[in-house]
PDB file of N, CA and C in Angstrom:
ATOM      1  N   UNK A   1      21.824  55.072  21.095  1.00  0.00           N
ATOM      2  CA  UNK A   1      23.098  54.399  21.264  1.00  0.00           C
ATOM      3  C   UNK A   1      23.695  54.104  19.893  1.00  0.00           C
ATOM      4  N   UNK A   2      24.951  54.523  19.704  1.00  0.00           N
ATOM      5  CA  UNK A   2      25.628  54.287  18.438  1.00  0.00           C
ATOM      6  C   UNK A   2      26.125  52.862  18.400  1.00  0.00           C
ATOM      7  N   UNK A   3      25.727  52.130  17.386  1.00  0.00           N
ATOM      8  CA  UNK A   3      26.046  50.715  17.275  1.00  0.00           C
ATOM      9  C   UNK A   3      27.200  50.454  16.314  1.00  0.00           C
ATOM     10  N   UNK A   4      27.907  51.505  15.903  1.00  0.00           N
ATOM     11  CA  UNK A   4      28.966  51.355  14.911  1.00  0.00           C
ATOM     12  C   UNK A   4      30.339  51.552  15.543  1.00  0.00           C
ATOM     13  N   UNK A   5      31.300  50.832  14.983  1.00  0.00           N
ATOM     14  CA  UNK A   5      32.702  51.008  15.345  1.00  0.00           C
ATOM     15  C   UNK A   5      33.381  51.479  14.076  1.00  0.00           C
ATOM     16  N   UNK A   6      33.840  52.728  14.093  1.00  0.00           N
ATOM     17  CA  UNK A   6      34.422  53.282  12.882  1.00  0.00           C
ATOM     18  C   UNK A   6      35.374  54.409  13.216  1.00  0.00           C
ATOM     19  N   UNK A   7      36.185  54.754  12.238  1.00  0.00           N
ATOM     20  CA  UNK A   7      37.112  55.866  12.340  1.00  0.00           C
ATOM     21  C   UNK A   7      36.631  56.995  11.431  1.00  0.00           C
ATOM     22  N   UNK A   8      37.121  58.216  11.664  1.00  0.00           N
ATOM     23  CA  UNK A   8      36.763  59.309  10.754  1.00  0.00           C
ATOM     24  C   UNK A   8      37.229  58.979   9.337  1.00  0.00           C
ATOM     25  N   UNK A   9      36.384  59.290   8.372  1.00  0.00           N
ATOM     26  CA  UNK A   9      36.711  58.990   6.977  1.00  0.00           C
ATOM     27  C   UNK A   9      37.760  59.942   6.435  1.00  0.00           C
ATOM     28  N   UNK A  10      38.718  59.356   5.755  1.00  0.00           N
ATOM     29  CA  UNK A  10      39.683  60.139   4.995  1.00  0.00           C
ATOM     30  C   UNK A  10      39.007  60.460   3.670  1.00  0.00           C
ATOM     31  N   UNK A  11      38.855  61.724   3.388  1.00  0.00           N
ATOM     32  CA  UNK A  11      38.156  62.129   2.170  1.00  0.00           C
ATOM     33  C   UNK A  11      39.003  61.843   0.936  1.00  0.00           C
ATOM     34  N   UNK A  12      38.326  61.438  -0.118  1.00  0.00           N
ATOM     35  CA  UNK A  12      38.971  61.194  -1.412  1.00  0.00           C
ATOM     36  C   UNK A  12      38.191  61.963  -2.468  1.00  0.00           C
ATOM     37  N   UNK A  13      38.850  62.330  -3.562  1.00  0.00           N
ATOM     38  CA  UNK A  13      38.156  63.078  -4.612  1.00  0.00           C
ATOM     39  C   UNK A  13      37.009  62.263  -5.210  1.00  0.00           C
ATOM     40  N   UNK A  14      35.901  62.918  -5.440  1.00  0.00           N
ATOM     41  CA  UNK A  14      34.745  62.274  -6.071  1.00  0.00           C
ATOM     42  C   UNK A  14      34.806  62.535  -7.568  1.00  0.00           C
ATOM     43  N   UNK A  15      35.610  61.722  -8.252  1.00  0.00           N
ATOM     44  CA  UNK A  15      35.757  61.862  -9.697  1.00  0.00           C
ATOM     45  C   UNK A  15      35.609  60.484 -10.330  1.00  0.00           C
ATOM     46  N   UNK A  16      35.686  60.438 -11.644  1.00  0.00           N
ATOM     47  CA  UNK A  16      35.637  59.157 -12.338  1.00  0.00           C
ATOM     48  C   UNK A  16      36.989  58.452 -12.291  1.00  0.00           C
ATOM     49  N   UNK A  17      38.023  59.174 -11.899  1.00  0.00           N
ATOM     50  CA  UNK A  17      39.362  58.590 -11.753  1.00  0.00           C
ATOM     51  C   UNK A  17      39.409  57.754 -10.481  1.00  0.00           C
ATOM     52  N   UNK A  18      40.232  56.702 -10.508  1.00  0.00           N
ATOM     53  CA  UNK A  18      40.413  55.910  -9.291  1.00  0.00           C
ATOM     54  C   UNK A  18      41.140  56.744  -8.254  1.00  0.00           C
ATOM     55  N   UNK A  19      40.733  56.609  -7.012  1.00  0.00           N
ATOM     56  CA  UNK A  19      41.379  57.321  -5.916  1.00  0.00           C
ATOM     57  C   UNK A  19      42.024  56.306  -4.968  1.00  0.00           C
ATOM     58  N   UNK A  20      42.610  56.794  -3.881  1.00  0.00           N
ATOM     59  CA  UNK A  20      43.311  55.905  -2.944  1.00  0.00           C
ATOM     60  C   UNK A  20      42.388  54.816  -2.393  1.00  0.00           C
ATOM     61  N   UNK A  21      41.167  55.170  -2.075  1.00  0.00           N
ATOM     62  CA  UNK A  21      40.216  54.179  -1.551  1.00  0.00           C
ATOM     63  C   UNK A  21      39.935  53.101  -2.593  1.00  0.00           C
ATOM     64  N   UNK A  22      39.746  53.496  -3.843  1.00  0.00           N
ATOM     65  CA  UNK A  22      39.499  52.531  -4.917  1.00  0.00           C
ATOM     66  C   UNK A  22      40.682  51.573  -5.089  1.00  0.00           C
ATOM     67  N   UNK A  23      41.893  52.136  -5.111  1.00  0.00           N
ATOM     68  CA  UNK A  23      43.083  51.305  -5.266  1.00  0.00           C
ATOM     69  C   UNK A  23      43.230  50.331  -4.095  1.00  0.00           C
ATOM     70  N   UNK A  24      43.023  50.835  -2.890  1.00  0.00           N
ATOM     71  CA  UNK A  24      43.160  49.998  -1.706  1.00  0.00           C
ATOM     72  C   UNK A  24      42.129  48.866  -1.714  1.00  0.00           C
ATOM     73  N   UNK A  25      40.898  49.192  -2.041  1.00  0.00           N
ATOM     74  CA  UNK A  25      39.857  48.160  -2.121  1.00  0.00           C
ATOM     75  C   UNK A  25      40.168  47.137  -3.210  1.00  0.00           C
ATOM     76  N   UNK A  26      40.719  47.600  -4.326  1.00  0.00           N
ATOM     77  CA  UNK A  26      41.066  46.697  -5.427  1.00  0.00           C
ATOM     78  C   UNK A  26      42.174  45.729  -5.014  1.00  0.00           C
ATOM     79  N   UNK A  27      43.211  46.250  -4.370  1.00  0.00           N
ATOM     80  CA  UNK A  27      44.316  45.400  -3.940  1.00  0.00           C
ATOM     81  C   UNK A  27      43.841  44.425  -2.855  1.00  0.00           C
ATOM     82  N   UNK A  28      43.002  44.890  -1.945  1.00  0.00           N
ATOM     83  CA  UNK A  28      42.456  44.013  -0.907  1.00  0.00           C
ATOM     84  C   UNK A  28      41.650  42.875  -1.533  1.00  0.00           C
ATOM     85  N   UNK A  29      40.826  43.189  -2.501  1.00  0.00           N
ATOM     86  CA  UNK A  29      40.037  42.162  -3.183  1.00  0.00           C
ATOM     87  C   UNK A  29      40.941  41.157  -3.885  1.00  0.00           C
ATOM     88  N   UNK A  30      41.999  41.640  -4.506  1.00  0.00           N
ATOM     89  CA  UNK A  30      42.962  40.739  -5.162  1.00  0.00           C
ATOM     90  C   UNK A  30      43.613  39.804  -4.149  1.00  0.00           C
ATOM     91  N   UNK A  31      44.017  40.321  -3.000  1.00  0.00           N
ATOM     92  CA  UNK A  31      44.626  39.488  -1.959  1.00  0.00           C
ATOM     93  C   UNK A  31      43.642  38.438  -1.449  1.00  0.00           C
ATOM     94  N   UNK A  32      42.399  38.826  -1.280  1.00  0.00           N
ATOM     95  CA  UNK A  32      41.382  37.859  -0.833  1.00  0.00           C
ATOM     96  C   UNK A  32      41.221  36.739  -1.861  1.00  0.00           C
ATOM     97  N   UNK A  33      41.143  37.102  -3.121  1.00  0.00           N
ATOM     98  CA  UNK A  33      40.993  36.096  -4.177  1.00  0.00           C
ATOM     99  C   UNK A  33      42.231  35.212  -4.267  1.00  0.00           C
ATOM    100  N   UNK A  34      43.411  35.810  -4.153  1.00  0.00           N
ATOM    101  CA  UNK A  34      44.650  35.047  -4.200  1.00  0.00           C
ATOM    102  C   UNK A  34      44.694  34.030  -3.065  1.00  0.00           C
ATOM    103  N   UNK A  35      44.361  34.458  -1.860  1.00  0.00           N
ATOM    104  CA  UNK A  35      44.423  33.525  -0.731  1.00  0.00           C
ATOM    105  C   UNK A  35      43.371  32.429  -0.859  1.00  0.00           C
ATOM    106  N   UNK A  36      42.217  32.741  -1.417  1.00  0.00           N
ATOM    107  CA  UNK A  36      41.207  31.700  -1.655  1.00  0.00           C
ATOM    108  C   UNK A  36      41.719  30.663  -2.648  1.00  0.00           C
ATOM    109  N   UNK A  37      42.360  31.112  -3.718  1.00  0.00           N
ATOM    110  CA  UNK A  37      42.911  30.189  -4.707  1.00  0.00           C
ATOM    111  C   UNK A  37      44.075  29.380  -4.132  1.00  0.00           C
ATOM    112  N   UNK A  38      44.898  30.026  -3.321  1.00  0.00           N
ATOM    113  CA  UNK A  38      45.994  29.305  -2.687  1.00  0.00           C
ATOM    114  C   UNK A  38      45.465  28.254  -1.714  1.00  0.00           C
ATOM    115  N   UNK A  39      44.363  28.537  -1.066  1.00  0.00           N
ATOM    116  CA  UNK A  39      43.754  27.558  -0.163  1.00  0.00           C
ATOM    117  C   UNK A  39      43.376  26.288  -0.923  1.00  0.00           C
ATOM    118  N   UNK A  40      42.814  26.454  -2.096  1.00  0.00           N
ATOM    119  CA  UNK A  40      42.485  25.298  -2.937  1.00  0.00           C
ATOM    120  C   UNK A  40      43.757  24.549  -3.329  1.00  0.00           C
ATOM    121  N   UNK A  41      44.788  25.297  -3.695  1.00  0.00           N
ATOM    122  CA  UNK A  41      46.051  24.669  -4.095  1.00  0.00           C
ATOM    123  C   UNK A  41      46.682  23.896  -2.934  1.00  0.00           C
ATOM    124  N   UNK A  42      46.569  24.421  -1.731  1.00  0.00           N
ATOM    125  CA  UNK A  42      47.086  23.718  -0.546  1.00  0.00           C
ATOM    126  C   UNK A  42      46.419  22.348  -0.427  1.00  0.00           C
ATOM    127  N   UNK A  43      45.119  22.322  -0.594  1.00  0.00           N
ATOM    128  CA  UNK A  43      44.377  21.063  -0.470  1.00  0.00           C
ATOM    129  C   UNK A  43      44.762  20.057  -1.532  1.00  0.00           C
ATOM    130  N   UNK A  44      45.251  20.531  -2.667  1.00  0.00           N
ATOM    131  CA  UNK A  44      45.548  19.646  -3.788  1.00  0.00           C
ATOM    132  C   UNK A  44      47.045  19.462  -4.029  1.00  0.00           C
ATOM    133  N   UNK A  45      47.876  19.937  -3.105  1.00  0.00           N
ATOM    134  CA  UNK A  45      49.329  19.810  -3.270  1.00  0.00           C
ATOM    135  C   UNK A  45      49.721  18.334  -3.318  1.00  0.00           C
ATOM    136  N   UNK A  46      50.577  17.994  -4.263  1.00  0.00           N
ATOM    137  CA  UNK A  46      50.911  16.587  -4.498  1.00  0.00           C
ATOM    138  C   UNK A  46      52.036  16.066  -3.614  1.00  0.00           C
ATOM    139  N   UNK A  47      52.787  16.955  -2.972  1.00  0.00           N
ATOM    140  CA  UNK A  47      53.840  16.485  -2.059  1.00  0.00           C
ATOM    141  C   UNK A  47      54.087  17.540  -0.981  1.00  0.00           C
ATOM    142  N   UNK A  48      54.846  17.154   0.024  1.00  0.00           N
ATOM    143  CA  UNK A  48      55.045  18.020   1.193  1.00  0.00           C
ATOM    144  C   UNK A  48      55.775  19.314   0.849  1.00  0.00           C
ATOM    145  N   UNK A  49      56.782  19.246  -0.005  1.00  0.00           N
ATOM    146  CA  UNK A  49      57.545  20.459  -0.357  1.00  0.00           C
ATOM    147  C   UNK A  49      56.653  21.465  -1.081  1.00  0.00           C
ATOM    148  N   UNK A  50      55.848  20.983  -2.004  1.00  0.00           N
ATOM    149  CA  UNK A  50      54.921  21.857  -2.723  1.00  0.00           C
ATOM    150  C   UNK A  50      53.891  22.426  -1.764  1.00  0.00           C
ATOM    151  N   UNK A  51      53.365  21.566  -0.891  1.00  0.00           N
ATOM    152  CA  UNK A  51      52.414  22.020   0.127  1.00  0.00           C
ATOM    153  C   UNK A  51      53.010  23.159   0.939  1.00  0.00           C
ATOM    154  N   UNK A  52      54.237  22.994   1.407  1.00  0.00           N
ATOM    155  CA  UNK A  52      54.864  24.006   2.261  1.00  0.00           C
ATOM    156  C   UNK A  52      55.075  25.316   1.523  1.00  0.00           C
ATOM    157  N   UNK A  53      55.507  25.247   0.264  1.00  0.00           N
ATOM    158  CA  UNK A  53      55.703  26.466  -0.532  1.00  0.00           C
ATOM    159  C   UNK A  53      54.386  27.226  -0.696  1.00  0.00           C
ATOM    160  N   UNK A  54      53.348  26.505  -1.037  1.00  0.00           N
ATOM    161  CA  UNK A  54      52.038  27.146  -1.241  1.00  0.00           C
ATOM    162  C   UNK A  54      51.491  27.662   0.083  1.00  0.00           C
ATOM    163  N   UNK A  55      51.690  26.881   1.144  1.00  0.00           N
ATOM    164  CA  UNK A  55      51.218  27.306   2.460  1.00  0.00           C
ATOM    165  C   UNK A  55      51.902  28.591   2.891  1.00  0.00           C
ATOM    166  N   UNK A  56      53.195  28.718   2.622  1.00  0.00           N
ATOM    167  CA  UNK A  56      53.926  29.950   2.948  1.00  0.00           C
ATOM    168  C   UNK A  56      53.354  31.141   2.170  1.00  0.00           C
ATOM    169  N   UNK A  57      53.070  30.930   0.890  1.00  0.00           N
ATOM    170  CA  UNK A  57      52.474  32.002   0.081  1.00  0.00           C
ATOM    171  C   UNK A  57      51.090  32.368   0.617  1.00  0.00           C
ATOM    172  N   UNK A  58      50.321  31.361   1.009  1.00  0.00           N
ATOM    173  CA  UNK A  58      48.987  31.577   1.577  1.00  0.00           C
ATOM    174  C   UNK A  58      49.081  32.437   2.842  1.00  0.00           C
ATOM    175  N   UNK A  59      50.022  32.090   3.712  1.00  0.00           N
ATOM    176  CA  UNK A  59      50.196  32.839   4.963  1.00  0.00           C
ATOM    177  C   UNK A  59      50.560  34.298   4.676  1.00  0.00           C
ATOM    178  N   UNK A  60      51.481  34.513   3.752  1.00  0.00           N
ATOM    179  CA  UNK A  60      51.869  35.881   3.378  1.00  0.00           C
ATOM    180  C   UNK A  60      50.682  36.651   2.806  1.00  0.00           C
ATOM    181  N   UNK A  61      49.894  35.986   1.982  1.00  0.00           N
ATOM    182  CA  UNK A  61      48.737  36.626   1.366  1.00  0.00           C
ATOM    183  C   UNK A  61      47.696  37.010   2.418  1.00  0.00           C
ATOM    184  N   UNK A  62      47.456  36.115   3.378  1.00  0.00           N
ATOM    185  CA  UNK A  62      46.499  36.417   4.454  1.00  0.00           C
ATOM    186  C   UNK A  62      46.993  37.568   5.315  1.00  0.00           C
ATOM    187  N   UNK A  63      48.290  37.600   5.584  1.00  0.00           N
ATOM    188  CA  UNK A  63      48.846  38.703   6.375  1.00  0.00           C
ATOM    189  C   UNK A  63      48.723  40.024   5.622  1.00  0.00           C
ATOM    190  N   UNK A  64      48.971  40.001   4.321  1.00  0.00           N
ATOM    191  CA  UNK A  64      48.831  41.218   3.511  1.00  0.00           C
ATOM    192  C   UNK A  64      47.379  41.681   3.497  1.00  0.00           C
ATOM    193  N   UNK A  65      46.454  40.737   3.343  1.00  0.00           N
ATOM    194  CA  UNK A  65      45.030  41.096   3.340  1.00  0.00           C
ATOM    195  C   UNK A  65      44.630  41.712   4.675  1.00  0.00           C
ATOM    196  N   UNK A  66      45.147  41.175   5.756  1.00  0.00           N
ATOM    197  CA  UNK A  66      44.826  41.713   7.083  1.00  0.00           C
ATOM    198  C   UNK A  66      45.352  43.135   7.228  1.00  0.00           C
ATOM    199  N   UNK A  67      46.575  43.367   6.759  1.00  0.00           N
ATOM    200  CA  UNK A  67      47.154  44.713   6.832  1.00  0.00           C
ATOM    201  C   UNK A  67      46.350  45.693   5.978  1.00  0.00           C
ATOM    202  N   UNK A  68      45.927  45.251   4.815  1.00  0.00           N
ATOM    203  CA  UNK A  68      45.117  46.111   3.940  1.00  0.00           C
ATOM    204  C   UNK A  68      43.764  46.411   4.572  1.00  0.00           C
ATOM    205  N   UNK A  69      43.142  45.385   5.170  1.00  0.00           N
ATOM    206  CA  UNK A  69      41.875  45.609   5.863  1.00  0.00           C
ATOM    207  C   UNK A  69      42.060  46.617   6.986  1.00  0.00           C
ATOM    208  N   UNK A  70      43.106  46.441   7.789  1.00  0.00           N
ATOM    209  CA  UNK A  70      43.360  47.378   8.890  1.00  0.00           C
ATOM    210  C   UNK A  70      43.528  48.801   8.377  1.00  0.00           C
ATOM    211  N   UNK A  71      44.196  48.954   7.248  1.00  0.00           N
ATOM    212  CA  UNK A  71      44.383  50.286   6.674  1.00  0.00           C
ATOM    213  C   UNK A  71      43.044  50.885   6.230  1.00  0.00           C
ATOM    214  N   UNK A  72      42.198  50.079   5.594  1.00  0.00           N
ATOM    215  CA  UNK A  72      40.884  50.608   5.190  1.00  0.00           C
ATOM    216  C   UNK A  72      40.072  51.022   6.405  1.00  0.00           C
ATOM    217  N   UNK A  73      40.193  50.256   7.485  1.00  0.00           N
ATOM    218  CA  UNK A  73      39.473  50.599   8.714  1.00  0.00           C
ATOM    219  C   UNK A  73      40.023  51.886   9.324  1.00  0.00           C
ATOM    220  N   UNK A  74      41.357  52.008   9.367  1.00  0.00           N
ATOM    221  CA  UNK A  74      41.987  53.210   9.911  1.00  0.00           C
ATOM    222  C   UNK A  74      41.587  54.453   9.124  1.00  0.00           C
ATOM    223  N   UNK A  75      41.464  54.307   7.815  1.00  0.00           N
ATOM    224  CA  UNK A  75      41.103  55.437   6.954  1.00  0.00           C
ATOM    225  C   UNK A  75      39.617  55.781   7.051  1.00  0.00           C
ATOM    226  N   UNK A  76      38.852  54.934   7.746  1.00  0.00           N
ATOM    227  CA  UNK A  76      37.422  55.194   7.887  1.00  0.00           C
ATOM    228  C   UNK A  76      36.608  54.733   6.693  1.00  0.00           C
ATOM    229  N   UNK A  77      37.178  53.895   5.872  1.00  0.00           N
ATOM    230  CA  UNK A  77      36.488  53.427   4.666  1.00  0.00           C
ATOM    231  C   UNK A  77      35.778  52.097   4.909  1.00  0.00           C
ATOM    232  N   UNK A  78      35.858  51.615   6.131  1.00  0.00           N
ATOM    233  CA  UNK A  78      35.168  50.388   6.509  1.00  0.00           C
ATOM    234  C   UNK A  78      34.708  50.564   7.943  1.00  0.00           C
ATOM    235  N   UNK A  79      33.472  50.227   8.229  1.00  0.00           N
ATOM    236  CA  UNK A  79      33.008  50.322   9.606  1.00  0.00           C
ATOM    237  C   UNK A  79      32.395  48.986  10.022  1.00  0.00           C
ATOM    238  N   UNK A  80      32.419  48.761  11.305  1.00  0.00           N
ATOM    239  CA  UNK A  80      31.881  47.535  11.883  1.00  0.00           C
ATOM    240  C   UNK A  80      30.647  47.865  12.703  1.00  0.00           C
ATOM    241  N   UNK A  81      29.838  46.876  12.921  1.00  0.00           N
ATOM    242  CA  UNK A  81      28.653  47.042  13.751  1.00  0.00           C
ATOM    243  C   UNK A  81      28.812  46.206  15.008  1.00  0.00           C
ATOM    244  N   UNK A  82      28.571  46.821  16.155  1.00  0.00           N
ATOM    245  CA  UNK A  82      28.638  46.078  17.406  1.00  0.00           C
ATOM    246  C   UNK A  82      27.485  45.080  17.439  1.00  0.00           C
ATOM    247  N   UNK A  83      27.806  43.873  17.788  1.00  0.00           N
ATOM    248  CA  UNK A  83      26.767  42.845  17.889  1.00  0.00           C
ATOM    249  C   UNK A  83      26.106  42.930  19.259  1.00  0.00           C
ATOM    250  N   UNK A  84      24.795  42.851  19.252  1.00  0.00           N
ATOM    251  CA  UNK A  84      24.061  42.853  20.506  1.00  0.00           C
ATOM    252  C   UNK A  84      24.181  41.476  21.147  1.00  0.00           C
ATOM    253  N   UNK A  85      24.237  41.449  22.472  1.00  0.00           N
ATOM    254  CA  UNK A  85      24.397  40.197  23.202  1.00  0.00           C
ATOM    255  C   UNK A  85      23.287  39.216  22.849  1.00  0.00           C
ATOM    256  N   UNK A  86      22.068  39.703  22.687  1.00  0.00           N
ATOM    257  CA  UNK A  86      20.957  38.798  22.360  1.00  0.00           C
ATOM    258  C   UNK A  86      21.158  38.152  20.994  1.00  0.00           C
ATOM    259  N   UNK A  87      21.688  38.907  20.031  1.00  0.00           N
ATOM    260  CA  UNK A  87      21.949  38.344  18.704  1.00  0.00           C
ATOM    261  C   UNK A  87      23.072  37.306  18.753  1.00  0.00           C
ATOM    262  N   UNK A  88      24.084  37.583  19.551  1.00  0.00           N
ATOM    263  CA  UNK A  88      25.190  36.632  19.693  1.00  0.00           C
ATOM    264  C   UNK A  88      24.678  35.339  20.301  1.00  0.00           C
ATOM    265  N   UNK A  89      23.893  35.456  21.366  1.00  0.00           N
ATOM    266  CA  UNK A  89      23.342  34.278  22.025  1.00  0.00           C
ATOM    267  C   UNK A  89      22.415  33.500  21.094  1.00  0.00           C
ATOM    268  N   UNK A  90      21.611  34.216  20.331  1.00  0.00           N
ATOM    269  CA  UNK A  90      20.701  33.563  19.382  1.00  0.00           C
ATOM    270  C   UNK A  90      21.495  32.766  18.356  1.00  0.00           C
ATOM    271  N   UNK A  91      22.553  33.355  17.799  1.00  0.00           N
ATOM    272  CA  UNK A  91      23.368  32.675  16.800  1.00  0.00           C
ATOM    273  C   UNK A  91      24.078  31.474  17.417  1.00  0.00           C
ATOM    274  N   UNK A  92      24.581  31.634  18.643  1.00  0.00           N
ATOM    275  CA  UNK A  92      25.249  30.523  19.328  1.00  0.00           C
ATOM    276  C   UNK A  92      24.278  29.365  19.531  1.00  0.00           C
ATOM    277  N   UNK A  93      23.038  29.675  19.894  1.00  0.00           N
ATOM    278  CA  UNK A  93      22.027  28.626  20.077  1.00  0.00           C
ATOM    279  C   UNK A  93      21.713  27.929  18.762  1.00  0.00           C
ATOM    280  N   UNK A  94      21.601  28.686  17.682  1.00  0.00           N
ATOM    281  CA  UNK A  94      21.337  28.095  16.366  1.00  0.00           C
ATOM    282  C   UNK A  94      22.458  27.144  15.966  1.00  0.00           C
ATOM    283  N   UNK A  95      23.686  27.571  16.160  1.00  0.00           N
ATOM    284  CA  UNK A  95      24.827  26.738  15.795  1.00  0.00           C
ATOM    285  C   UNK A  95      24.915  25.489  16.677  1.00  0.00           C
ATOM    286  N   UNK A  96      24.577  25.636  17.960  1.00  0.00           N
ATOM    287  CA  UNK A  96      24.581  24.486  18.861  1.00  0.00           C
ATOM    288  C   UNK A  96      23.526  23.475  18.425  1.00  0.00           C
ATOM    289  N   UNK A  97      22.362  23.952  18.007  1.00  0.00           N
ATOM    290  CA  UNK A  97      21.303  23.054  17.528  1.00  0.00           C
ATOM    291  C   UNK A  97      21.769  22.305  16.292  1.00  0.00           C
ATOM    292  N   UNK A  98      22.439  22.995  15.372  1.00  0.00           N
ATOM    293  CA  UNK A  98      22.939  22.336  14.160  1.00  0.00           C
ATOM    294  C   UNK A  98      23.990  21.294  14.523  1.00  0.00           C
ATOM    295  N   UNK A  99      24.853  21.622  15.455  1.00  0.00           N
ATOM    296  CA  UNK A  99      25.878  20.682  15.913  1.00  0.00           C
ATOM    297  C   UNK A  99      25.227  19.442  16.525  1.00  0.00           C
ATOM    298  N   UNK A 100      24.197  19.646  17.332  1.00  0.00           N
ATOM    299  CA  UNK A 100      23.487  18.536  17.963  1.00  0.00           C
ATOM    300  C   UNK A 100      22.838  17.633  16.908  1.00  0.00           C
ATOM    301  N   UNK A 101      22.346  18.236  15.831  1.00  0.00           N
ATOM    302  CA  UNK A 101      21.719  17.457  14.768  1.00  0.00           C
ATOM    303  C   UNK A 101      22.733  16.579  14.037  1.00  0.00           C
ATOM    304  N   UNK A 102      23.981  17.011  14.011  1.00  0.00           N
ATOM    305  CA  UNK A 102      25.021  16.249  13.317  1.00  0.00           C
ATOM    306  C   UNK A 102      25.541  15.077  14.145  1.00  0.00           C
ATOM    307  N   UNK A 103      25.274  15.105  15.435  1.00  0.00           N
ATOM    308  CA  UNK A 103      25.809  14.045  16.310  1.00  0.00           C
ATOM    309  C   UNK A 103      24.912  12.837  16.352  1.00  0.00           C
TER     310      UNK A 103
END
């Protein structure tokens, strides 16, 4: 049974030069870092107007990162693994136990 969710890979040249996959991964990483930094700025915004401006930038950055991720997946440069029901249940039980410990 195939446990992967993936698309056919779009081939890129195997050279020392950056290719489309490299550029896409680089831009995606930049968007992830930008949104992480904006998240910190949101928490530390000194007034509502500043908060809203940063929050808007954060939302745009997250949307861009999502679009970039979707493109990498469509190109076959990222694959997912189907989670087995037993693993999902095991993780849910672990998290429930941790939640119970906090109460």
